[in-house]
C-alpha cells in the first residue's frame, strides 16, 4: 500500500521545519560551530538536543556543509544506524 502526503500535510511538515529553523538558535549555530554536538555511535553523525523544544536533530558535516539527516521527537527512541 502506498503512503501519500496531501499538500496540507506537506505544509504541516514544512511549518515544523521552518518553526525550528527560525526559533532555535542552536540550529543556526551549526553554521559556525558544526561540531558543537556530540557524535553518535554512528561515525560522522552528530546529535543535537534542542534546549527549548522536544526534538533531536541528527546531522553530518560534509566539506563546507552541515547536512541535517533526521529530526526526531525526543520521546522517541534513538534511530538505528541504518536510518541515517
N, C-alpha and C. Protein backbone atom coordinates (compact mmCIF):
# COMPACT_ATOMS: atom_id res chain seq x y z
N UNK A 1 0.84 -1.18 0.00
CA UNK A 1 0.00 0.00 0.00
C UNK A 1 0.88 1.24 0.00
N UNK A 2 0.54 2.21 -0.78
CA UNK A 2 1.29 3.46 -0.88
C UNK A 2 0.93 4.41 0.26
N UNK A 3 1.88 5.23 0.60
CA UNK A 3 1.64 6.34 1.52
C UNK A 3 1.75 7.61 0.69
N UNK A 4 0.75 8.44 0.80
CA UNK A 4 0.77 9.69 0.04
C UNK A 4 0.47 10.84 0.98
N UNK A 5 1.25 11.88 0.90
CA UNK A 5 1.03 13.08 1.71
C UNK A 5 0.20 14.08 0.91
N UNK A 6 -0.80 14.64 1.54
CA UNK A 6 -1.58 15.69 0.90
C UNK A 6 -0.77 16.98 0.94
N UNK A 7 -1.14 17.93 0.11
CA UNK A 7 -0.44 19.22 0.18
C UNK A 7 -0.50 19.84 1.59
N UNK A 8 -1.63 19.66 2.28
CA UNK A 8 -1.74 20.21 3.63
C UNK A 8 -0.75 19.53 4.57
N UNK A 9 -0.61 18.22 4.48
CA UNK A 9 0.34 17.50 5.34
C UNK A 9 1.77 17.93 5.03
N UNK A 10 2.09 18.12 3.78
CA UNK A 10 3.44 18.60 3.41
C UNK A 10 3.68 20.00 3.96
N UNK A 11 2.65 20.83 3.92
CA UNK A 11 2.76 22.18 4.50
C UNK A 11 2.97 22.10 6.02
N UNK A 12 2.30 21.14 6.67
CA UNK A 12 2.49 20.96 8.11
C UNK A 12 3.94 20.63 8.41
N UNK A 13 4.52 19.70 7.67
CA UNK A 13 5.92 19.33 7.88
C UNK A 13 6.86 20.51 7.61
N UNK A 14 6.59 21.22 6.54
CA UNK A 14 7.41 22.39 6.22
C UNK A 14 7.31 23.43 7.33
N UNK A 15 6.12 23.57 7.92
CA UNK A 15 5.94 24.51 9.01
C UNK A 15 6.73 24.13 10.25
N UNK A 16 6.81 22.83 10.55
CA UNK A 16 7.61 22.37 11.69
C UNK A 16 9.07 22.69 11.46
N UNK A 17 9.58 22.39 10.27
CA UNK A 17 10.98 22.68 9.99
C UNK A 17 11.25 24.17 10.03
N UNK A 18 10.35 24.96 9.48
CA UNK A 18 10.51 26.41 9.50
C UNK A 18 10.50 26.94 10.93
N UNK A 19 9.59 26.42 11.74
CA UNK A 19 9.50 26.83 13.15
C UNK A 19 10.82 26.57 13.87
N UNK A 20 11.35 25.37 13.71
CA UNK A 20 12.61 25.04 14.37
C UNK A 20 13.75 25.90 13.85
N UNK A 21 13.77 26.10 12.55
CA UNK A 21 14.85 26.89 11.96
C UNK A 21 14.82 28.33 12.44
N UNK A 22 13.66 28.91 12.57
CA UNK A 22 13.54 30.30 12.97
C UNK A 22 13.70 30.52 14.47
N UNK A 23 13.26 29.56 15.27
CA UNK A 23 13.22 29.77 16.71
C UNK A 23 14.32 29.05 17.49
N UNK A 24 15.11 28.30 16.80
CA UNK A 24 16.15 27.57 17.51
C UNK A 24 17.52 28.14 17.18
N UNK A 25 18.09 28.87 18.11
CA UNK A 25 19.43 29.40 17.85
C UNK A 25 20.46 28.29 17.72
N UNK A 26 20.18 27.12 18.30
CA UNK A 26 21.14 26.01 18.22
C UNK A 26 21.35 25.57 16.77
N UNK A 27 20.28 25.50 16.00
CA UNK A 27 20.42 25.10 14.61
C UNK A 27 21.21 26.15 13.83
N UNK A 28 20.94 27.41 14.09
CA UNK A 28 21.69 28.47 13.40
C UNK A 28 23.17 28.44 13.78
N UNK A 29 23.46 28.05 15.02
CA UNK A 29 24.86 27.97 15.46
C UNK A 29 25.66 26.91 14.71
N UNK A 30 24.98 25.92 14.16
CA UNK A 30 25.69 24.85 13.46
C UNK A 30 26.50 25.38 12.28
N UNK A 31 26.07 26.47 11.67
CA UNK A 31 26.81 27.03 10.55
C UNK A 31 28.21 27.47 10.98
N UNK A 32 28.33 28.02 12.18
CA UNK A 32 29.63 28.49 12.68
C UNK A 32 30.33 27.46 13.56
N UNK A 33 29.56 26.62 14.22
CA UNK A 33 30.12 25.62 15.15
C UNK A 33 29.54 24.24 14.86
N UNK A 34 29.93 23.65 13.74
CA UNK A 34 29.31 22.38 13.34
C UNK A 34 29.61 21.21 14.28
N UNK A 35 30.64 21.33 15.10
CA UNK A 35 30.99 20.23 15.99
C UNK A 35 30.56 20.50 17.44
N UNK A 36 29.51 21.31 17.60
CA UNK A 36 29.03 21.69 18.93
C UNK A 36 28.34 20.52 19.63
N UNK A 37 27.79 19.59 18.88
CA UNK A 37 27.05 18.47 19.44
C UNK A 37 27.93 17.22 19.49
N UNK A 38 27.58 16.29 20.37
CA UNK A 38 28.36 15.05 20.43
C UNK A 38 28.07 14.13 19.25
N UNK A 39 29.07 13.35 18.88
CA UNK A 39 28.90 12.38 17.82
C UNK A 39 28.16 11.17 18.38
N UNK A 40 27.34 10.58 17.57
CA UNK A 40 26.61 9.38 17.96
C UNK A 40 27.53 8.17 17.78
N UNK A 41 26.99 6.99 18.01
CA UNK A 41 27.75 5.77 17.78
C UNK A 41 28.01 5.55 16.30
N UNK A 42 27.26 6.23 15.46
CA UNK A 42 27.43 6.12 14.01
C UNK A 42 28.47 7.13 13.55
N UNK A 43 29.54 6.67 12.94
CA UNK A 43 30.61 7.58 12.51
C UNK A 43 30.08 8.71 11.63
N UNK A 44 30.43 9.91 12.01
CA UNK A 44 30.07 11.08 11.21
C UNK A 44 28.69 11.66 11.46
N UNK A 45 27.90 11.05 12.36
CA UNK A 45 26.56 11.56 12.66
C UNK A 45 26.57 12.18 14.05
N UNK A 46 26.13 13.43 14.12
CA UNK A 46 26.08 14.16 15.37
C UNK A 46 24.62 14.29 15.82
N UNK A 47 24.42 14.40 17.15
CA UNK A 47 23.07 14.52 17.70
C UNK A 47 22.97 15.81 18.51
N UNK A 48 22.15 16.71 18.04
CA UNK A 48 21.93 17.99 18.71
C UNK A 48 20.59 17.94 19.42
N UNK A 49 20.60 18.06 20.73
CA UNK A 49 19.35 18.11 21.51
C UNK A 49 18.93 19.56 21.63
N UNK A 50 17.68 19.81 21.31
CA UNK A 50 17.16 21.17 21.37
C UNK A 50 16.84 21.50 22.83
N UNK A 51 17.20 22.68 23.26
CA UNK A 51 17.01 23.10 24.64
C UNK A 51 15.54 23.38 24.95
N UNK A 52 14.90 24.20 24.16
CA UNK A 52 13.53 24.63 24.45
C UNK A 52 12.47 23.81 23.72
N UNK A 53 12.89 22.92 22.85
CA UNK A 53 11.95 22.15 22.05
C UNK A 53 12.26 20.67 22.21
N UNK A 54 11.26 19.83 22.23
CA UNK A 54 11.49 18.40 22.47
C UNK A 54 11.92 17.64 21.22
N UNK A 55 12.97 18.12 20.57
CA UNK A 55 13.44 17.47 19.35
C UNK A 55 14.94 17.21 19.44
N UNK A 56 15.36 16.21 18.67
CA UNK A 56 16.78 15.93 18.47
C UNK A 56 17.04 16.03 16.98
N UNK A 57 18.12 16.69 16.65
CA UNK A 57 18.49 16.87 15.26
C UNK A 57 19.76 16.07 15.00
N UNK A 58 19.70 15.21 14.01
CA UNK A 58 20.86 14.40 13.63
C UNK A 58 21.42 14.98 12.34
N UNK A 59 22.74 15.13 12.31
CA UNK A 59 23.34 15.76 11.13
C UNK A 59 24.74 15.22 10.87
N UNK A 60 25.20 15.49 9.67
CA UNK A 60 26.56 15.16 9.24
C UNK A 60 27.25 16.46 8.81
N UNK A 61 28.56 16.48 8.94
CA UNK A 61 29.34 17.60 8.44
C UNK A 61 30.08 17.09 7.21
N UNK A 62 29.77 17.67 6.06
CA UNK A 62 30.35 17.24 4.79
C UNK A 62 30.97 18.45 4.09
N UNK A 63 32.29 18.44 4.02
CA UNK A 63 33.05 19.54 3.40
C UNK A 63 32.65 20.86 4.07
N UNK A 64 32.00 21.76 3.35
CA UNK A 64 31.62 23.05 3.91
C UNK A 64 30.12 23.14 4.17
N UNK A 65 29.51 22.00 4.47
CA UNK A 65 28.06 21.95 4.63
C UNK A 65 27.66 21.11 5.83
N UNK A 66 26.66 21.58 6.56
CA UNK A 66 26.02 20.79 7.61
C UNK A 66 24.76 20.23 6.98
N UNK A 67 24.68 18.91 6.92
CA UNK A 67 23.53 18.26 6.29
C UNK A 67 22.67 17.62 7.38
N UNK A 68 21.49 18.17 7.61
CA UNK A 68 20.58 17.61 8.60
C UNK A 68 19.92 16.40 7.96
N UNK A 69 20.13 15.25 8.62
CA UNK A 69 19.65 14.00 8.04
C UNK A 69 18.38 13.48 8.70
N UNK A 70 18.09 13.97 9.91
CA UNK A 70 16.92 13.43 10.61
C UNK A 70 16.54 14.36 11.75
N UNK A 71 15.25 14.57 11.94
CA UNK A 71 14.73 15.32 13.08
C UNK A 71 13.75 14.39 13.78
N UNK A 72 13.91 14.23 15.08
CA UNK A 72 13.12 13.24 15.81
C UNK A 72 12.64 13.83 17.13
N UNK A 73 11.40 13.54 17.51
CA UNK A 73 10.88 13.98 18.80
C UNK A 73 11.68 13.27 19.89
N UNK A 74 12.02 13.98 20.94
CA UNK A 74 12.89 13.45 21.99
C UNK A 74 12.28 12.27 22.74
N UNK A 75 10.97 12.11 22.71
CA UNK A 75 10.35 10.99 23.42
C UNK A 75 10.50 9.68 22.66
N UNK A 76 10.89 9.75 21.40
CA UNK A 76 11.08 8.54 20.61
C UNK A 76 12.48 7.99 20.83
N UNK A 77 12.62 6.69 20.65
CA UNK A 77 13.94 6.07 20.79
C UNK A 77 14.87 6.56 19.70
N UNK A 78 16.16 6.49 20.01
CA UNK A 78 17.17 6.88 19.04
C UNK A 78 17.07 5.97 17.82
N UNK A 79 17.22 6.52 16.62
CA UNK A 79 17.09 5.69 15.41
C UNK A 79 18.23 4.68 15.29
N UNK A 80 17.98 3.63 14.57
CA UNK A 80 19.02 2.65 14.26
C UNK A 80 20.00 3.27 13.29
N UNK A 81 21.21 2.78 13.27
CA UNK A 81 22.24 3.38 12.41
C UNK A 81 21.89 3.30 10.94
N UNK A 82 21.12 2.30 10.52
CA UNK A 82 20.78 2.22 9.10
C UNK A 82 19.73 3.25 8.69
N UNK A 83 19.19 4.00 9.64
CA UNK A 83 18.23 5.05 9.30
C UNK A 83 18.91 6.34 8.84
N UNK A 84 20.21 6.44 9.04
CA UNK A 84 20.92 7.65 8.62
C UNK A 84 21.40 7.45 7.23
